[in-house]
Amino acid sequence: MEFYHSQTKLRLLNEKDPGVYQRADWLVDKLVLGKDDFARYWKDEWRSGSTSWRKALKIPDSDVVIQGRCAKVADQLVKDKVYVVWNPGSQFCICNCTWSEMGNMCEHMFKVINLCRKRGSTMPYISVFQYHKALIDMLHCQPMIL
C-alpha cells in the first residue's frame, strides 16, 4: 500500500498537465468528506455481526483442531464440512473457503489466530521479529570511537 501511495504521489508531482490537479483535489476532497460516512458504515457492519471477526467469535473452540502446519475448522451450518487453515497462528495463514480465496480474511482464519493466541502458540509478526533483531544487533555493536 505504501508503494502504491508513493508511486501515485510521484506520478502526480511529475504531471505536466495542470488539469490533473483539479481531479486530485476532487479525490482528496471526497476521501476527507467521505470518511464519516465510511466510519458510520463500518460501525453498522460491526453491529450487524456480519464481519469475519464477529463471525469468528461465534465459532466454539471445540470446532477447531490444530494439527501441525494446518488447522481444521468445522462449518457452523453443515457440521460435516471442514475448512482447512494452513500456517495457523501466523499473519500469513490461508484458508480454503471461498471468502479467503477472494483475498479476504475469513472467520476461520480469525478463529484459528485467536485460538493460537489463547494457547500462546502464535508466531511473532514479521515487524516485531525485525524490531527484536535490530535491538539485539544494536546491543552487540561495538561503540564507535570518534
C-alpha atoms as a PDB file:
ATOM      1  CA  MET A   1       0.000   0.000   0.000  1.00  0.00           C
ATOM      2  CA  GLU A   2       2.856   2.362   0.838  1.00  0.00           C
ATOM      3  CA  PHE A   3       4.499   1.617  -2.519  1.00  0.00           C
ATOM      4  CA  TYR A   4       1.247   2.340  -4.379  1.00  0.00           C
ATOM      5  CA  HIS A   5       0.783   5.585  -2.437  1.00  0.00           C
ATOM      6  CA  SER A   6       4.325   6.801  -3.148  1.00  0.00           C
ATOM      7  CA  GLN A   7       4.075   5.849  -6.842  1.00  0.00           C
ATOM      8  CA  THR A   8       0.772   7.724  -7.180  1.00  0.00           C
ATOM      9  CA  LYS A   9       2.239  10.757  -5.427  1.00  0.00           C
ATOM     10  CA  LEU A  10       5.315  10.651  -7.676  1.00  0.00           C
ATOM     11  CA  ARG A  11       3.193  10.470 -10.831  1.00  0.00           C
ATOM     12  CA  LEU A  12       1.008  13.331  -9.624  1.00  0.00           C
ATOM     13  CA  LEU A  13       4.026  15.524  -8.843  1.00  0.00           C
ATOM     14  CA  ASN A  14       5.620  14.771 -12.241  1.00  0.00           C
ATOM     15  CA  GLU A  15       2.425  15.531 -14.175  1.00  0.00           C
ATOM     16  CA  LYS A  16       2.773  18.273 -16.807  1.00  0.00           C
ATOM     17  CA  ASP A  17      -0.964  18.856 -17.367  1.00  0.00           C
ATOM     18  CA  PRO A  18      -2.298  21.321 -14.734  1.00  0.00           C
ATOM     19  CA  GLY A  19      -5.834  19.967 -15.220  1.00  0.00           C
ATOM     20  CA  VAL A  20      -4.880  16.788 -13.411  1.00  0.00           C
ATOM     21  CA  TYR A  21      -4.551  18.659 -10.107  1.00  0.00           C
ATOM     22  CA  GLN A  22      -8.241  19.535 -10.254  1.00  0.00           C
ATOM     23  CA  ARG A  23      -9.079  15.820 -10.294  1.00  0.00           C
ATOM     24  CA  ALA A  24      -6.592  15.121  -7.489  1.00  0.00           C
ATOM     25  CA  ASP A  25      -8.188  17.863  -5.374  1.00  0.00           C
ATOM     26  CA  TRP A  26     -11.584  16.286  -6.024  1.00  0.00           C
ATOM     27  CA  LEU A  27     -10.293  12.876  -4.926  1.00  0.00           C
ATOM     28  CA  VAL A  28      -8.753  14.254  -1.729  1.00  0.00           C
ATOM     29  CA  ASP A  29     -11.963  16.166  -1.008  1.00  0.00           C
ATOM     30  CA  LYS A  30     -14.080  13.016  -1.483  1.00  0.00           C
ATOM     31  CA  LEU A  31     -11.785  10.950   0.711  1.00  0.00           C
ATOM     32  CA  VAL A  32     -11.782  13.519   3.505  1.00  0.00           C
ATOM     33  CA  LEU A  33     -15.518  14.274   3.399  1.00  0.00           C
ATOM     34  CA  GLY A  34     -16.493  10.631   2.963  1.00  0.00           C
ATOM     35  CA  LYS A  35     -14.596   9.364   5.999  1.00  0.00           C
ATOM     36  CA  ASP A  36     -17.507   9.997   8.379  1.00  0.00           C
ATOM     37  CA  ASP A  37     -19.910   8.063   6.154  1.00  0.00           C
ATOM     38  CA  PHE A  38     -17.342   5.291   5.854  1.00  0.00           C
ATOM     39  CA  ALA A  39     -16.865   5.108   9.635  1.00  0.00           C
ATOM     40  CA  ARG A  40     -20.641   5.055  10.136  1.00  0.00           C
ATOM     41  CA  TYR A  41     -20.952   2.278   7.553  1.00  0.00           C
ATOM     42  CA  TRP A  42     -18.350   0.092   9.289  1.00  0.00           C
ATOM     43  CA  LYS A  43     -19.901   0.760  12.685  1.00  0.00           C
ATOM     44  CA  ASP A  44     -23.238  -0.516  11.316  1.00  0.00           C
ATOM     45  CA  GLU A  45     -21.482  -3.518   9.762  1.00  0.00           C
ATOM     46  CA  TRP A  46     -19.813  -4.326  13.075  1.00  0.00           C
ATOM     47  CA  ARG A  47     -23.115  -4.037  14.940  1.00  0.00           C
ATOM     48  CA  SER A  48     -24.923  -6.300  12.488  1.00  0.00           C
ATOM     49  CA  GLY A  49     -22.427  -9.080  13.231  1.00  0.00           C
ATOM     50  CA  SER A  50     -21.654  -9.742   9.583  1.00  0.00           C
ATOM     51  CA  THR A  51     -17.901  -9.111   9.783  1.00  0.00           C
ATOM     52  CA  SER A  52     -15.491 -12.035   9.724  1.00  0.00           C
ATOM     53  CA  TRP A  53     -14.178 -11.060  13.152  1.00  0.00           C
ATOM     54  CA  ARG A  54     -17.660 -11.192  14.707  1.00  0.00           C
ATOM     55  CA  LYS A  55     -18.436 -14.488  12.964  1.00  0.00           C
ATOM     56  CA  ALA A  56     -15.200 -15.944  14.358  1.00  0.00           C
ATOM     57  CA  LEU A  57     -16.333 -15.145  17.895  1.00  0.00           C
ATOM     58  CA  LYS A  58     -19.359 -17.414  17.369  1.00  0.00           C
ATOM     59  CA  ILE A  59     -17.253 -20.471  16.437  1.00  0.00           C
ATOM     60  CA  PRO A  60     -16.668 -22.642  19.530  1.00  0.00           C
ATOM     61  CA  ASP A  61     -13.090 -23.676  20.346  1.00  0.00           C
ATOM     62  CA  SER A  62     -14.182 -27.314  20.165  1.00  0.00           C
ATOM     63  CA  ASP A  63     -14.823 -26.916  16.409  1.00  0.00           C
ATOM     64  CA  VAL A  64     -11.130 -26.167  15.781  1.00  0.00           C
ATOM     65  CA  VAL A  65      -8.452 -28.863  15.580  1.00  0.00           C
ATOM     66  CA  ILE A  66      -4.832 -27.788  15.066  1.00  0.00           C
ATOM     67  CA  GLN A  67      -2.592 -30.449  13.528  1.00  0.00           C
ATOM     68  CA  GLY A  68       0.968 -29.321  12.843  1.00  0.00           C
ATOM     69  CA  ARG A  69       1.086 -26.822   9.987  1.00  0.00           C
ATOM     70  CA  CYS A  70      -2.688 -26.711   9.430  1.00  0.00           C
ATOM     71  CA  ALA A  71      -5.898 -26.285  11.391  1.00  0.00           C
ATOM     72  CA  LYS A  72      -9.328 -27.699  10.619  1.00  0.00           C
ATOM     73  CA  VAL A  73     -12.407 -25.625  11.402  1.00  0.00           C
ATOM     74  CA  ALA A  74     -15.868 -27.207  11.267  1.00  0.00           C
ATOM     75  CA  ASP A  75     -18.516 -25.304   9.328  1.00  0.00           C
ATOM     76  CA  GLN A  76     -21.200 -23.873  11.610  1.00  0.00           C
ATOM     77  CA  LEU A  77     -24.122 -24.693   9.311  1.00  0.00           C
ATOM     78  CA  VAL A  78     -23.041 -28.027   7.798  1.00  0.00           C
ATOM     79  CA  LYS A  79     -21.140 -29.921  10.513  1.00  0.00           C
ATOM     80  CA  ASP A  80     -19.734 -32.460   8.009  1.00  0.00           C
ATOM     81  CA  LYS A  81     -17.935 -29.695   6.101  1.00  0.00           C
ATOM     82  CA  VAL A  82     -14.441 -28.722   7.282  1.00  0.00           C
ATOM     83  CA  TYR A  83     -12.295 -25.757   6.258  1.00  0.00           C
ATOM     84  CA  VAL A  84      -8.512 -26.054   6.335  1.00  0.00           C
ATOM     85  CA  VAL A  85      -6.373 -23.130   7.507  1.00  0.00           C
ATOM     86  CA  TRP A  86      -2.706 -23.518   6.591  1.00  0.00           C
ATOM     87  CA  ASN A  87       0.081 -21.857   8.583  1.00  0.00           C
ATOM     88  CA  PRO A  88      -2.070 -21.359  11.722  1.00  0.00           C
ATOM     89  CA  GLY A  89      -1.101 -18.657  14.197  1.00  0.00           C
ATOM     90  CA  SER A  90       0.738 -16.684  11.534  1.00  0.00           C
ATOM     91  CA  GLN A  91      -0.132 -13.402   9.879  1.00  0.00           C
ATOM     92  CA  PHE A  92       0.244 -15.302   6.591  1.00  0.00           C
ATOM     93  CA  CYS A  93      -2.367 -18.015   7.186  1.00  0.00           C
ATOM     94  CA  ILE A  94      -4.511 -19.179   4.257  1.00  0.00           C
ATOM     95  CA  CYS A  95      -7.953 -20.816   4.245  1.00  0.00           C
ATOM     96  CA  ASN A  96      -9.665 -22.886   1.558  1.00  0.00           C
ATOM     97  CA  CYS A  97     -13.082 -21.182   1.884  1.00  0.00           C
ATOM     98  CA  THR A  98     -14.415 -19.020  -0.958  1.00  0.00           C
ATOM     99  CA  TRP A  99     -14.184 -15.762   1.048  1.00  0.00           C
ATOM    100  CA  SER A 100     -10.484 -16.340   1.697  1.00  0.00           C
ATOM    101  CA  GLU A 101      -9.828 -17.426  -1.888  1.00  0.00           C
ATOM    102  CA  MET A 102     -11.059 -13.980  -2.981  1.00  0.00           C
ATOM    103  CA  GLY A 103      -8.205 -12.451  -0.944  1.00  0.00           C
ATOM    104  CA  ASN A 104     -10.112 -11.644   2.248  1.00  0.00           C
ATOM    105  CA  MET A 105      -9.526 -12.689   5.839  1.00  0.00           C
ATOM    106  CA  CYS A 106     -12.289 -15.121   6.752  1.00  0.00           C
ATOM    107  CA  GLU A 107     -13.813 -16.067  10.104  1.00  0.00           C
ATOM    108  CA  HIS A 108     -11.902 -19.366  10.068  1.00  0.00           C
ATOM    109  CA  MET A 109      -8.558 -17.561   9.914  1.00  0.00           C
ATOM    110  CA  PHE A 110      -9.554 -15.171  12.715  1.00  0.00           C
ATOM    111  CA  LYS A 111     -10.760 -18.060  14.872  1.00  0.00           C
ATOM    112  CA  VAL A 112      -7.520 -20.009  14.428  1.00  0.00           C
ATOM    113  CA  ILE A 113      -5.402 -16.909  15.130  1.00  0.00           C
ATOM    114  CA  ASN A 114      -7.417 -16.158  18.302  1.00  0.00           C
ATOM    115  CA  LEU A 115      -7.186 -19.762  19.469  1.00  0.00           C
ATOM    116  CA  CYS A 116      -3.421 -19.835  18.885  1.00  0.00           C
ATOM    117  CA  ARG A 117      -3.063 -16.581  20.838  1.00  0.00           C
ATOM    118  CA  LYS A 118      -5.025 -18.053  23.749  1.00  0.00           C
ATOM    119  CA  ARG A 119      -2.729 -21.079  23.758  1.00  0.00           C
ATOM    120  CA  GLY A 120       0.391 -18.946  23.367  1.00  0.00           C
ATOM    121  CA  SER A 121       1.426 -20.636  20.146  1.00  0.00           C
ATOM    122  CA  THR A 122       1.290 -17.697  17.742  1.00  0.00           C
ATOM    123  CA  MET A 123       4.218 -16.873  15.552  1.00  0.00           C
ATOM    124  CA  PRO A 124       5.576 -13.348  16.085  1.00  0.00           C
ATOM    125  CA  TYR A 125       4.706 -10.748  13.494  1.00  0.00           C
ATOM    126  CA  ILE A 126       7.457 -10.007  10.999  1.00  0.00           C
ATOM    127  CA  SER A 127       7.702  -6.380  12.171  1.00  0.00           C
ATOM    128  CA  VAL A 128       8.119  -7.476  15.811  1.00  0.00           C
ATOM    129  CA  PHE A 129      10.735 -10.022  14.761  1.00  0.00           C
ATOM    130  CA  GLN A 130      12.642  -7.363  12.800  1.00  0.00           C
ATOM    131  CA  TYR A 131      12.411  -4.949  15.744  1.00  0.00           C
ATOM    132  CA  HIS A 132      13.845  -7.553  18.139  1.00  0.00           C
ATOM    133  CA  LYS A 133      16.604  -8.423  15.659  1.00  0.00           C
ATOM    134  CA  ALA A 134      17.553  -4.750  15.232  1.00  0.00           C
ATOM    135  CA  LEU A 135      17.546  -4.271  19.003  1.00  0.00           C
ATOM    136  CA  ILE A 136      19.779  -7.305  19.568  1.00  0.00           C
ATOM    137  CA  ASP A 137      22.114  -6.188  16.766  1.00  0.00           C
ATOM    138  CA  MET A 138      22.402  -2.743  18.390  1.00  0.00           C
ATOM    139  CA  LEU A 139      23.212  -4.283  21.756  1.00  0.00           C
ATOM    140  CA  HIS A 140      26.004  -6.374  20.243  1.00  0.00           C
ATOM    141  CA  CYS A 141      27.567  -3.496  18.274  1.00  0.00           C
ATOM    142  CA  GLN A 142      30.875  -2.141  19.440  1.00  0.00           C
ATOM    143  CA  PRO A 143      30.719   1.561  20.331  1.00  0.00           C
ATOM    144  CA  MET A 144      32.197   3.849  17.711  1.00  0.00           C
ATOM    145  CA  ILE A 145      35.303   5.747  18.778  1.00  0.00           C
ATOM    146  CA  LEU A 146      35.474   9.193  17.241  1.00  0.00           C
END
